[in-house]
Amino acid sequence: SYLLAGINGAYVITKYKLQKDITTLGSGTGGARNAGRVAGKQAFIWT
């Protein structure tokens, strides 16, 4: 559970969509709100 939970959806989506690390963008967190803020609504949903 811990290892799977570490697969961060926001990181995966922003890396794919923007080729950037989510932890260096916006608020610096790898969460859905930050993904939506920096990469749009679809990034939020996929995260």
ModelCIF file with pLDDT and N, C-alpha, C, O atoms, coordinates in Angstrom:
data_MODEL
#
_entry.id   MODEL 
#
_entity.id                         1 
_entity.type                       polymer 
_entity.pdbx_number_of_molecules   1 
#
_entity_poly.entity_id                      1 
_entity_poly.type                           'polypeptide(L)' 
_entity_poly.nstd_linkage                   no 
_entity_poly.nstd_monomer                   no 
_entity_poly.pdbx_seq_one_letter_code       SYLLAGINGAYVITKYKLQKDITTLGSGTGGARNAGRVAGKQAFIWT 
_entity_poly.pdbx_seq_one_letter_code_can   SYLLAGINGAYVITKYKLQKDITTLGSGTGGARNAGRVAGKQAFIWT 
_entity_poly.pdbx_strand_id                 A 
#
loop_
_entity_poly_seq.entity_id 
_entity_poly_seq.num 
_entity_poly_seq.mon_id 
_entity_poly_seq.hetero 
1 1  SER n 
1 2  TYR n 
1 3  LEU n 
1 4  LEU n 
1 5  ALA n 
1 6  GLY n 
1 7  ILE n 
1 8  ASN n 
1 9  GLY n 
1 10 ALA n 
1 11 TYR n 
1 12 VAL n 
1 13 ILE n 
1 14 THR n 
1 15 LYS n 
1 16 TYR n 
1 17 LYS n 
1 18 LEU n 
1 19 GLN n 
1 20 LYS n 
1 21 ASP n 
1 22 ILE n 
1 23 THR n 
1 24 THR n 
1 25 LEU n 
1 26 GLY n 
1 27 SER n 
1 28 GLY n 
1 29 THR n 
1 30 GLY n 
1 31 GLY n 
1 32 ALA n 
1 33 ARG n 
1 34 ASN n 
1 35 ALA n 
1 36 GLY n 
1 37 ARG n 
1 38 VAL n 
1 39 ALA n 
1 40 GLY n 
1 41 LYS n 
1 42 GLN n 
1 43 ALA n 
1 44 PHE n 
1 45 ILE n 
1 46 TRP n 
1 47 THR n 
#
_struct_asym.id          A 
_struct_asym.entity_id   1 
#
loop_
_ma_qa_metric.id 
_ma_qa_metric.mode 
_ma_qa_metric.name 
_ma_qa_metric.software_group_id 
_ma_qa_metric.type 
1 global pLDDT . pLDDT 
2 local  pLDDT . pLDDT 
#
_ma_qa_metric_global.metric_id      1 
_ma_qa_metric_global.metric_value   90.02 
_ma_qa_metric_global.model_id       1 
_ma_qa_metric_global.ordinal_id     1 
#
loop_
_ma_qa_metric_local.label_asym_id 
_ma_qa_metric_local.label_comp_id 
_ma_qa_metric_local.label_seq_id 
_ma_qa_metric_local.metric_id 
_ma_qa_metric_local.metric_value 
_ma_qa_metric_local.model_id 
_ma_qa_metric_local.ordinal_id 
A SER 1  2 96.00 1 1  
A TYR 2  2 97.00 1 2  
A LEU 3  2 96.00 1 3  
A LEU 4  2 96.00 1 4  
A ALA 5  2 95.00 1 5  
A GLY 6  2 94.00 1 6  
A ILE 7  2 94.00 1 7  
A ASN 8  2 92.00 1 8  
A GLY 9  2 91.00 1 9  
A ALA 10 2 90.00 1 10 
A TYR 11 2 92.00 1 11 
A VAL 12 2 92.00 1 12 
A ILE 13 2 91.00 1 13 
A THR 14 2 91.00 1 14 
A LYS 15 2 89.00 1 15 
A TYR 16 2 91.00 1 16 
A LYS 17 2 87.00 1 17 
A LEU 18 2 91.00 1 18 
A GLN 19 2 90.00 1 19 
A LYS 20 2 89.00 1 20 
A ASP 21 2 87.00 1 21 
A ILE 22 2 85.00 1 22 
A THR 23 2 84.00 1 23 
A THR 24 2 85.00 1 24 
A LEU 25 2 87.00 1 25 
A GLY 26 2 82.00 1 26 
A SER 27 2 83.00 1 27 
A GLY 28 2 81.00 1 28 
A THR 29 2 85.00 1 29 
A GLY 30 2 86.00 1 30 
A GLY 31 2 86.00 1 31 
A ALA 32 2 88.00 1 32 
A ARG 33 2 89.00 1 33 
A ASN 34 2 89.00 1 34 
A ALA 35 2 90.00 1 35 
A GLY 36 2 90.00 1 36 
A ARG 37 2 90.00 1 37 
A VAL 38 2 89.00 1 38 
A ALA 39 2 89.00 1 39 
A GLY 40 2 89.00 1 40 
A LYS 41 2 93.00 1 41 
A GLN 42 2 93.00 1 42 
A ALA 43 2 91.00 1 43 
A PHE 44 2 93.00 1 44 
A ILE 45 2 94.00 1 45 
A TRP 46 2 95.00 1 46 
A THR 47 2 94.00 1 47 
#
loop_
_atom_site.group_PDB 
_atom_site.id 
_atom_site.type_symbol 
_atom_site.label_atom_id 
_atom_site.label_alt_id 
_atom_site.label_comp_id 
_atom_site.label_asym_id 
_atom_site.label_entity_id 
_atom_site.label_seq_id 
_atom_site.pdbx_PDB_ins_code 
_atom_site.Cartn_x 
_atom_site.Cartn_y 
_atom_site.Cartn_z 
_atom_site.occupancy 
_atom_site.B_iso_or_equiv 
_atom_site.pdbx_formal_charge 
_atom_site.auth_seq_id 
_atom_site.auth_comp_id 
_atom_site.auth_asym_id 
_atom_site.auth_atom_id 
_atom_site.pdbx_PDB_model_num 
ATOM 1   N N  . SER A 1 1  ? 0.831  -1.208 0.000   1.00 96.00 ? 1  SER A N  1 
ATOM 2   C CA . SER A 1 1  ? 0.000  0.000  0.000   1.00 96.00 ? 1  SER A CA 1 
ATOM 3   C C  . SER A 1 1  ? 0.865  1.257  0.000   1.00 96.00 ? 1  SER A C  1 
ATOM 4   O O  . SER A 1 1  ? 0.608  2.189  -0.762  1.00 96.00 ? 1  SER A O  1 
ATOM 5   N N  . TYR A 1 2  ? 1.882  1.283  0.848   1.00 97.00 ? 2  TYR A N  1 
ATOM 6   C CA . TYR A 1 2  ? 2.763  2.449  0.942   1.00 97.00 ? 2  TYR A CA 1 
ATOM 7   C C  . TYR A 1 2  ? 3.498  2.684  -0.390  1.00 97.00 ? 2  TYR A C  1 
ATOM 8   O O  . TYR A 1 2  ? 3.563  3.814  -0.873  1.00 97.00 ? 2  TYR A O  1 
ATOM 9   N N  . LEU A 1 3  ? 4.037  1.632  -0.966  1.00 96.00 ? 3  LEU A N  1 
ATOM 10  C CA . LEU A 1 3  ? 4.795  1.776  -2.215  1.00 96.00 ? 3  LEU A CA 1 
ATOM 11  C C  . LEU A 1 3  ? 3.903  2.229  -3.367  1.00 96.00 ? 3  LEU A C  1 
ATOM 12  O O  . LEU A 1 3  ? 4.297  3.092  -4.151  1.00 96.00 ? 3  LEU A O  1 
ATOM 13  N N  . LEU A 1 4  ? 2.704  1.654  -3.477  1.00 96.00 ? 4  LEU A N  1 
ATOM 14  C CA . LEU A 1 4  ? 1.778  2.078  -4.532  1.00 96.00 ? 4  LEU A CA 1 
ATOM 15  C C  . LEU A 1 4  ? 1.305  3.511  -4.314  1.00 96.00 ? 4  LEU A C  1 
ATOM 16  O O  . LEU A 1 4  ? 1.179  4.278  -5.269  1.00 96.00 ? 4  LEU A O  1 
ATOM 17  N N  . ALA A 1 5  ? 1.042  3.872  -3.060  1.00 95.00 ? 5  ALA A N  1 
ATOM 18  C CA . ALA A 1 5  ? 0.572  5.227  -2.751  1.00 95.00 ? 5  ALA A CA 1 
ATOM 19  C C  . ALA A 1 5  ? 1.622  6.273  -3.108  1.00 95.00 ? 5  ALA A C  1 
ATOM 20  O O  . ALA A 1 5  ? 1.288  7.429  -3.370  1.00 95.00 ? 5  ALA A O  1 
ATOM 21  N N  . GLY A 1 6  ? 2.872  5.874  -3.117  1.00 94.00 ? 6  GLY A N  1 
ATOM 22  C CA . GLY A 1 6  ? 3.946  6.798  -3.475  1.00 94.00 ? 6  GLY A CA 1 
ATOM 23  C C  . GLY A 1 6  ? 3.985  7.153  -4.953  1.00 94.00 ? 6  GLY A C  1 
ATOM 24  O O  . GLY A 1 6  ? 4.660  8.106  -5.341  1.00 94.00 ? 6  GLY A O  1 
ATOM 25  N N  . ILE A 1 7  ? 3.271  6.400  -5.780  1.00 94.00 ? 7  ILE A N  1 
ATOM 26  C CA . ILE A 1 7  ? 3.171  6.744  -7.204  1.00 94.00 ? 7  ILE A CA 1 
ATOM 27  C C  . ILE A 1 7  ? 2.275  7.968  -7.281  1.00 94.00 ? 7  ILE A C  1 
ATOM 28  O O  . ILE A 1 7  ? 1.066  7.872  -7.074  1.00 94.00 ? 7  ILE A O  1 
ATOM 29  N N  . ASN A 1 8  ? 2.851  9.091  -7.573  1.00 92.00 ? 8  ASN A N  1 
ATOM 30  C CA . ASN A 1 8  ? 2.140  10.358 -7.461  1.00 92.00 ? 8  ASN A CA 1 
ATOM 31  C C  . ASN A 1 8  ? 1.483  10.742 -8.780  1.00 92.00 ? 8  ASN A C  1 
ATOM 32  O O  . ASN A 1 8  ? 2.158  10.983 -9.781  1.00 92.00 ? 8  ASN A O  1 
ATOM 33  N N  . GLY A 1 9  ? 0.141  10.796 -8.763  1.00 91.00 ? 9  GLY A N  1 
ATOM 34  C CA . GLY A 1 9  ? -0.608 11.116 -9.970  1.00 91.00 ? 9  GLY A CA 1 
ATOM 35  C C  . GLY A 1 9  ? -0.267 12.478 -10.545 1.00 91.00 ? 9  GLY A C  1 
ATOM 36  O O  . GLY A 1 9  ? -0.143 12.624 -11.761 1.00 91.00 ? 9  GLY A O  1 
ATOM 37  N N  . ALA A 1 10 ? -0.115 13.472 -9.687  1.00 90.00 ? 10 ALA A N  1 
ATOM 38  C CA . ALA A 1 10 ? 0.213  14.828 -10.151 1.00 90.00 ? 10 ALA A CA 1 
ATOM 39  C C  . ALA A 1 10 ? 1.579  14.845 -10.836 1.00 90.00 ? 10 ALA A C  1 
ATOM 40  O O  . ALA A 1 10 ? 1.768  15.515 -11.852 1.00 90.00 ? 10 ALA A O  1 
ATOM 41  N N  . TYR A 1 11 ? 2.521  14.106 -10.271 1.00 92.00 ? 11 TYR A N  1 
ATOM 42  C CA . TYR A 1 11 ? 3.863  14.045 -10.874 1.00 92.00 ? 11 TYR A CA 1 
ATOM 43  C C  . TYR A 1 11 ? 3.787  13.392 -12.249 1.00 92.00 ? 11 TYR A C  1 
ATOM 44  O O  . TYR A 1 11 ? 4.353  13.900 -13.218 1.00 92.00 ? 11 TYR A O  1 
ATOM 45  N N  . VAL A 1 12 ? 3.085  12.264 -12.329 1.00 92.00 ? 12 VAL A N  1 
ATOM 46  C CA . VAL A 1 12 ? 2.967  11.531 -13.601 1.00 92.00 ? 12 VAL A CA 1 
ATOM 47  C C  . VAL A 1 12 ? 2.319  12.410 -14.669 1.00 92.00 ? 12 VAL A C  1 
ATOM 48  O O  . VAL A 1 12 ? 2.813  12.496 -15.793 1.00 92.00 ? 12 VAL A O  1 
ATOM 49  N N  . ILE A 1 13 ? 1.217  13.058 -14.315 1.00 91.00 ? 13 ILE A N  1 
ATOM 50  C CA . ILE A 1 13 ? 0.464  13.865 -15.283 1.00 91.00 ? 13 ILE A CA 1 
ATOM 51  C C  . ILE A 1 13 ? 1.250  15.095 -15.727 1.00 91.00 ? 13 ILE A C  1 
ATOM 52  O O  . ILE A 1 13 ? 1.325  15.376 -16.923 1.00 91.00 ? 13 ILE A O  1 
ATOM 53  N N  . THR A 1 14 ? 1.838  15.831 -14.786 1.00 91.00 ? 14 THR A N  1 
ATOM 54  C CA . THR A 1 14 ? 2.574  17.042 -15.188 1.00 91.00 ? 14 THR A CA 1 
ATOM 55  C C  . THR A 1 14 ? 3.864  16.694 -15.915 1.00 91.00 ? 14 THR A C  1 
ATOM 56  O O  . THR A 1 14 ? 4.312  17.446 -16.780 1.00 91.00 ? 14 THR A O  1 
ATOM 57  N N  . LYS A 1 15 ? 4.461  15.563 -15.571 1.00 89.00 ? 15 LYS A N  1 
ATOM 58  C CA . LYS A 1 15 ? 5.662  15.135 -16.309 1.00 89.00 ? 15 LYS A CA 1 
ATOM 59  C C  . LYS A 1 15 ? 5.279  14.814 -17.754 1.00 89.00 ? 15 LYS A C  1 
ATOM 60  O O  . LYS A 1 15 ? 6.000  15.168 -18.687 1.00 89.00 ? 15 LYS A O  1 
ATOM 61  N N  . TYR A 1 16 ? 4.141  14.141 -17.930 1.00 91.00 ? 16 TYR A N  1 
ATOM 62  C CA . TYR A 1 16 ? 3.668  13.792 -19.268 1.00 91.00 ? 16 TYR A CA 1 
ATOM 63  C C  . TYR A 1 16 ? 3.220  15.038 -20.044 1.00 91.00 ? 16 TYR A C  1 
ATOM 64  O O  . TYR A 1 16 ? 3.590  15.227 -21.202 1.00 91.00 ? 16 TYR A O  1 
ATOM 65  N N  . LYS A 1 17 ? 2.412  15.887 -19.381 1.00 87.00 ? 17 LYS A N  1 
ATOM 66  C CA . LYS A 1 17 ? 1.804  17.026 -20.064 1.00 87.00 ? 17 LYS A CA 1 
ATOM 67  C C  . LYS A 1 17 ? 2.769  18.196 -20.261 1.00 87.00 ? 17 LYS A C  1 
ATOM 68  O O  . LYS A 1 17 ? 2.792  18.810 -21.328 1.00 87.00 ? 17 LYS A O  1 
ATOM 69  N N  . LEU A 1 18 ? 3.566  18.505 -19.235 1.00 91.00 ? 18 LEU A N  1 
ATOM 70  C CA . LEU A 1 18 ? 4.434  19.687 -19.282 1.00 91.00 ? 18 LEU A CA 1 
ATOM 71  C C  . LEU A 1 18 ? 5.929  19.366 -19.323 1.00 91.00 ? 18 LEU A C  1 
ATOM 72  O O  . LEU A 1 18 ? 6.757  20.259 -19.500 1.00 91.00 ? 18 LEU A O  1 
ATOM 73  N N  . GLN A 1 19 ? 6.264  18.096 -19.160 1.00 90.00 ? 19 GLN A N  1 
ATOM 74  C CA . GLN A 1 19 ? 7.656  17.672 -19.042 1.00 90.00 ? 19 GLN A CA 1 
ATOM 75  C C  . GLN A 1 19 ? 8.371  18.391 -17.882 1.00 90.00 ? 19 GLN A C  1 
ATOM 76  O O  . GLN A 1 19 ? 9.551  18.731 -17.976 1.00 90.00 ? 19 GLN A O  1 
ATOM 77  N N  . LYS A 1 20 ? 7.621  18.614 -16.784 1.00 89.00 ? 20 LYS A N  1 
ATOM 78  C CA . LYS A 1 20 ? 8.171  19.288 -15.609 1.00 89.00 ? 20 LYS A CA 1 
ATOM 79  C C  . LYS A 1 20 ? 7.805  18.515 -14.350 1.00 89.00 ? 20 LYS A C  1 
ATOM 80  O O  . LYS A 1 20 ? 6.876  17.708 -14.348 1.00 89.00 ? 20 LYS A O  1 
ATOM 81  N N  . ASP A 1 21 ? 8.547  18.773 -13.286 1.00 87.00 ? 21 ASP A N  1 
ATOM 82  C CA . ASP A 1 21 ? 8.337  18.148 -11.988 1.00 87.00 ? 21 ASP A CA 1 
ATOM 83  C C  . ASP A 1 21 ? 7.339  18.988 -11.185 1.00 87.00 ? 21 ASP A C  1 
ATOM 84  O O  . ASP A 1 21 ? 7.602  20.159 -10.910 1.00 87.00 ? 21 ASP A O  1 
ATOM 85  N N  . ILE A 1 22 ? 6.203  18.406 -10.809 1.00 85.00 ? 22 ILE A N  1 
ATOM 86  C CA . ILE A 1 22 ? 5.150  19.124 -10.088 1.00 85.00 ? 22 ILE A CA 1 
ATOM 87  C C  . ILE A 1 22 ? 5.655  19.723 -8.778  1.00 85.00 ? 22 ILE A C  1 
ATOM 88  O O  . ILE A 1 22 ? 5.139  20.748 -8.332  1.00 85.00 ? 22 ILE A O  1 
ATOM 89  N N  . THR A 1 23 ? 6.652  19.102 -8.159  1.00 84.00 ? 23 THR A N  1 
ATOM 90  C CA . THR A 1 23 ? 7.141  19.595 -6.866  1.00 84.00 ? 23 THR A CA 1 
ATOM 91  C C  . THR A 1 23 ? 7.938  20.893 -6.996  1.00 84.00 ? 23 THR A C  1 
ATOM 92  O O  . THR A 1 23 ? 8.324  21.495 -5.994  1.00 84.00 ? 23 THR A O  1 
ATOM 93  N N  . THR A 1 24 ? 8.178  21.315 -8.231  1.00 85.00 ? 24 THR A N  1 
ATOM 94  C CA . THR A 1 24 ? 8.861  22.598 -8.453  1.00 85.00 ? 24 THR A CA 1 
ATOM 95  C C  . THR A 1 24 ? 7.910  23.649 -9.010  1.00 85.00 ? 24 THR A C  1 
ATOM 96  O O  . THR A 1 24 ? 8.330  24.758 -9.343  1.00 85.00 ? 24 THR A O  1 
ATOM 97  N N  . LEU A 1 25 ? 6.636  23.303 -9.112  1.00 87.00 ? 25 LEU A N  1 
ATOM 98  C CA . LEU A 1 25 ? 5.638  24.198 -9.713  1.00 87.00 ? 25 LEU A CA 1 
ATOM 99  C C  . LEU A 1 25 ? 4.551  24.572 -8.707  1.00 87.00 ? 25 LEU A C  1 
ATOM 100 O O  . LEU A 1 25 ? 4.276  23.822 -7.769  1.00 87.00 ? 25 LEU A O  1 
ATOM 101 N N  . GLY A 1 26 ? 3.948  25.714 -8.907  1.00 82.00 ? 26 GLY A N  1 
ATOM 102 C CA . GLY A 1 26 ? 2.813  26.125 -8.075  1.00 82.00 ? 26 GLY A CA 1 
ATOM 103 C C  . GLY A 1 26 ? 3.140  26.124 -6.601  1.00 82.00 ? 26 GLY A C  1 
ATOM 104 O O  . GLY A 1 26 ? 4.075  26.789 -6.154  1.00 82.00 ? 26 GLY A O  1 
ATOM 105 N N  . SER A 1 27 ? 2.341  25.352 -5.835  1.00 83.00 ? 27 SER A N  1 
ATOM 106 C CA . SER A 1 27 ? 2.523  25.300 -4.384  1.00 83.00 ? 27 SER A CA 1 
ATOM 107 C C  . SER A 1 27 ? 3.679  24.396 -3.973  1.00 83.00 ? 27 SER A C  1 
ATOM 108 O O  . SER A 1 27 ? 4.109  24.431 -2.821  1.00 83.00 ? 27 SER A O  1 
ATOM 109 N N  . GLY A 1 28 ? 4.188  23.583 -4.908  1.00 81.00 ? 28 GLY A N  1 
ATOM 110 C CA . GLY A 1 28 ? 5.276  22.668 -4.588  1.00 81.00 ? 28 GLY A CA 1 
ATOM 111 C C  . GLY A 1 28 ? 4.815  21.315 -4.084  1.00 81.00 ? 28 GLY A C  1 
ATOM 112 O O  . GLY A 1 28 ? 5.641  20.461 -3.763  1.00 81.00 ? 28 GLY A O  1 
ATOM 113 N N  . THR A 1 29 ? 3.488  21.105 -4.009  1.00 85.00 ? 29 THR A N  1 
ATOM 114 C CA . THR A 1 29 ? 2.983  19.805 -3.566  1.00 85.00 ? 29 THR A CA 1 
ATOM 115 C C  . THR A 1 29 ? 2.578  18.960 -4.764  1.00 85.00 ? 29 THR A C  1 
ATOM 116 O O  . THR A 1 29 ? 2.274  19.482 -5.837  1.00 85.00 ? 29 THR A O  1 
ATOM 117 N N  . GLY A 1 30 ? 2.579  17.662 -4.567  1.00 86.00 ? 30 GLY A N  1 
ATOM 118 C CA . GLY A 1 30 ? 2.188  16.736 -5.619  1.00 86.00 ? 30 GLY A CA 1 
ATOM 119 C C  . GLY A 1 30 ? 0.744  16.303 -5.457  1.00 86.00 ? 30 GLY A C  1 
ATOM 120 O O  . GLY A 1 30 ? 0.447  15.110 -5.403  1.00 86.00 ? 30 GLY A O  1 
ATOM 121 N N  . GLY A 1 31 ? -0.155 17.275 -5.379  1.00 86.00 ? 31 GLY A N  1 
ATOM 122 C CA . GLY A 1 31 ? -1.568 16.970 -5.196  1.00 86.00 ? 31 GLY A CA 1 
ATOM 123 C C  . GLY A 1 31 ? -2.404 17.405 -6.378  1.00 86.00 ? 31 GLY A C  1 
ATOM 124 O O  . GLY A 1 31 ? -1.926 18.091 -7.281  1.00 86.00 ? 31 GLY A O  1 
ATOM 125 N N  . ALA A 1 32 ? -3.657 16.997 -6.360  1.00 88.00 ? 32 ALA A N  1 
ATOM 126 C CA . ALA A 1 32 ? -4.569 17.295 -7.462  1.00 88.00 ? 32 ALA A CA 1 
ATOM 127 C C  . ALA A 1 32 ? -4.812 18.794 -7.627  1.00 88.00 ? 32 ALA A C  1 
ATOM 128 O O  . ALA A 1 32 ? -4.873 19.293 -8.751  1.00 88.00 ? 32 ALA A O  1 
ATOM 129 N N  . ARG A 1 33 ? -4.951 19.512 -6.514  1.00 89.00 ? 33 ARG A N  1 
ATOM 130 C CA . ARG A 1 33 ? -5.187 20.969 -6.619  1.00 89.00 ? 33 ARG A CA 1 
ATOM 131 C C  . ARG A 1 33 ? -4.013 21.656 -7.312  1.00 89.00 ? 33 ARG A C  1 
ATOM 132 O O  . ARG A 1 33 ? -4.209 22.511 -8.175  1.00 89.00 ? 33 ARG A O  1 
ATOM 133 N N  . ASN A 1 34 ? -2.811 21.284 -6.936  1.00 89.00 ? 34 ASN A N  1 
ATOM 134 C CA . ASN A 1 34 ? -1.649 21.910 -7.558  1.00 89.00 ? 34 ASN A CA 1 
ATOM 135 C C  . ASN A 1 34 ? -1.548 21.511 -9.031  1.00 89.00 ? 34 ASN A C  1 
ATOM 136 O O  . ASN A 1 34 ? -1.216 22.344 -9.874  1.00 89.00 ? 34 ASN A O  1 
ATOM 137 N N  . ALA A 1 35 ? -1.830 20.246 -9.346  1.00 90.00 ? 35 ALA A N  1 
ATOM 138 C CA . ALA A 1 35 ? -1.804 19.801 -10.742 1.00 90.00 ? 35 ALA A CA 1 
ATOM 139 C C  . ALA A 1 35 ? -2.820 20.586 -11.570 1.00 90.00 ? 35 ALA A C  1 
ATOM 140 O O  . ALA A 1 35 ? -2.526 21.011 -12.687 1.00 90.00 ? 35 ALA A O  1 
ATOM 141 N N  . GLY A 1 36 ? -4.012 20.774 -11.014 1.00 90.00 ? 36 GLY A N  1 
ATOM 142 C CA . GLY A 1 36 ? -5.036 21.550 -11.711 1.00 90.00 ? 36 GLY A CA 1 
ATOM 143 C C  . GLY A 1 36 ? -4.627 22.995 -11.892 1.00 90.00 ? 36 GLY A C  1 
ATOM 144 O O  . GLY A 1 36 ? -4.883 23.602 -12.932 1.00 90.00 ? 36 GLY A O  1 
ATOM 145 N N  . ARG A 1 37 ? -3.992 23.537 -10.874 1.00 90.00 ? 37 ARG A N  1 
ATOM 146 C CA . ARG A 1 37 ? -3.564 24.937 -10.918 1.00 90.00 ? 37 ARG A CA 1 
ATOM 147 C C  . ARG A 1 37 ? -2.503 25.156 -12.000 1.00 90.00 ? 37 ARG A C  1 
ATOM 148 O O  . ARG A 1 37 ? -2.554 26.150 -12.724 1.00 90.00 ? 37 ARG A O  1 
ATOM 149 N N  . VAL A 1 38 ? -1.553 24.243 -12.113 1.00 89.00 ? 38 VAL A N  1 
ATOM 150 C CA . VAL A 1 38 ? -0.441 24.473 -13.047 1.00 89.00 ? 38 VAL A CA 1 
ATOM 151 C C  . VAL A 1 38 ? -0.640 23.836 -14.419 1.00 89.00 ? 38 VAL A C  1 
ATOM 152 O O  . VAL A 1 38 ? -0.016 24.264 -15.390 1.00 89.00 ? 38 VAL A O  1 
ATOM 153 N N  . ALA A 1 39 ? -1.503 22.815 -14.518 1.00 89.00 ? 39 ALA A N  1 
ATOM 154 C CA . ALA A 1 39 ? -1.639 22.120 -15.803 1.00 89.00 ? 39 ALA A CA 1 
ATOM 155 C C  . ALA A 1 39 ? -3.077 22.017 -16.291 1.00 89.00 ? 39 ALA A C  1 
ATOM 156 O O  . ALA A 1 39 ? -3.320 21.411 -17.334 1.00 89.00 ? 39 ALA A O  1 
ATOM 157 N N  . GLY A 1 40 ? -4.036 22.589 -15.571 1.00 89.00 ? 40 GLY A N  1 
ATOM 158 C CA . GLY A 1 40 ? -5.406 22.621 -16.061 1.00 89.00 ? 40 GLY A CA 1 
ATOM 159 C C  . GLY A 1 40 ? -6.333 21.582 -15.450 1.00 89.00 ? 40 GLY A C  1 
ATOM 160 O O  . GLY A 1 40 ? -5.920 20.703 -14.694 1.00 89.00 ? 40 GLY A O  1 
ATOM 161 N N  . LYS A 1 41 ? -7.618 21.724 -15.814 1.00 93.00 ? 41 LYS A N  1 
ATOM 162 C CA . LYS A 1 41 ? -8.685 20.901 -15.257 1.00 93.00 ? 41 LYS A CA 1 
ATOM 163 C C  . LYS A 1 41 ? -8.484 19.406 -15.524 1.00 93.00 ? 41 LYS A C  1 
ATOM 164 O O  . LYS A 1 41 ? -8.711 18.579 -14.641 1.00 93.00 ? 41 LYS A O  1 
ATOM 165 N N  . GLN A 1 42 ? -8.062 19.066 -16.740 1.00 93.00 ? 42 GLN A N  1 
ATOM 166 C CA . GLN A 1 42 ? -7.836 17.652 -17.060 1.00 93.00 ? 42 GLN A CA 1 
ATOM 167 C C  . GLN A 1 42 ? -6.743 17.048 -16.195 1.00 93.00 ? 42 GLN A C  1 
ATOM 168 O O  . GLN A 1 42 ? -6.838 15.887 -15.798 1.00 93.00 ? 42 GLN A O  1 
ATOM 169 N N  . ALA A 1 43 ? -5.713 17.820 -15.900 1.00 91.00 ? 43 ALA A N  1 
ATOM 170 C CA . ALA A 1 43 ? -4.632 17.338 -15.026 1.00 91.00 ? 43 ALA A CA 1 
ATOM 171 C C  . ALA A 1 43 ? -5.182 17.057 -13.633 1.00 91.00 ? 43 ALA A C  1 
ATOM 172 O O  . ALA A 1 43 ? -4.813 16.066 -13.003 1.00 91.00 ? 43 ALA A O  1 
ATOM 173 N N  . PHE A 1 44 ? -6.068 17.935 -13.152 1.00 93.00 ? 44 PHE A N  1 
ATOM 174 C CA . PHE A 1 44 ? -6.701 17.725 -11.855 1.00 93.00 ? 44 PHE A CA 1 
ATOM 175 C C  . PHE A 1 44 ? -7.480 16.405 -11.860 1.00 93.00 ? 44 PHE A C  1 
ATOM 176 O O  . PHE A 1 44 ? -7.327 15.580 -10.958 1.00 93.00 ? 44 PHE A O  1 
ATOM 177 N N  . ILE A 1 45 ? -8.314 16.218 -12.883 1.00 94.00 ? 45 ILE A N  1 
ATOM 178 C CA . ILE A 1 45 ? -9.165 15.020 -12.952 1.00 94.00 ? 45 ILE A CA 1 
ATOM 179 C C  . ILE A 1 45 ? -8.323 13.749 -13.037 1.00 94.00 ? 45 ILE A C  1 
ATOM 180 O O  . ILE A 1 45 ? -8.579 12.791 -12.308 1.00 94.00 ? 45 ILE A O  1 
ATOM 181 N N  . TRP A 1 46 ? -7.326 13.731 -13.915 1.00 95.00 ? 46 TRP A N  1 
ATOM 182 C CA . TRP A 1 46 ? -6.481 12.546 -14.054 1.00 95.00 ? 46 TRP A CA 1 
ATOM 183 C C  . TRP A 1 46 ? -5.668 12.264 -12.794 1.00 95.00 ? 46 TRP A C  1 
ATOM 184 O O  . TRP A 1 46 ? -5.420 11.107 -12.453 1.00 95.00 ? 46 TRP A O  1 
ATOM 185 N N  . THR A 1 47 ? -5.259 13.316 -12.113 1.00 94.00 ? 47 THR A N  1 
ATOM 186 C CA . THR A 1 47 ? -4.539 13.125 -10.850 1.00 94.00 ? 47 THR A CA 1 
ATOM 187 C C  . THR A 1 47 ? -5.439 12.456 -9.823  1.00 94.00 ? 47 THR A C  1 
ATOM 188 O O  . THR A 1 47 ? -5.013 12.212 -8.694  1.00 94.00 ? 47 THR A O  1 
#
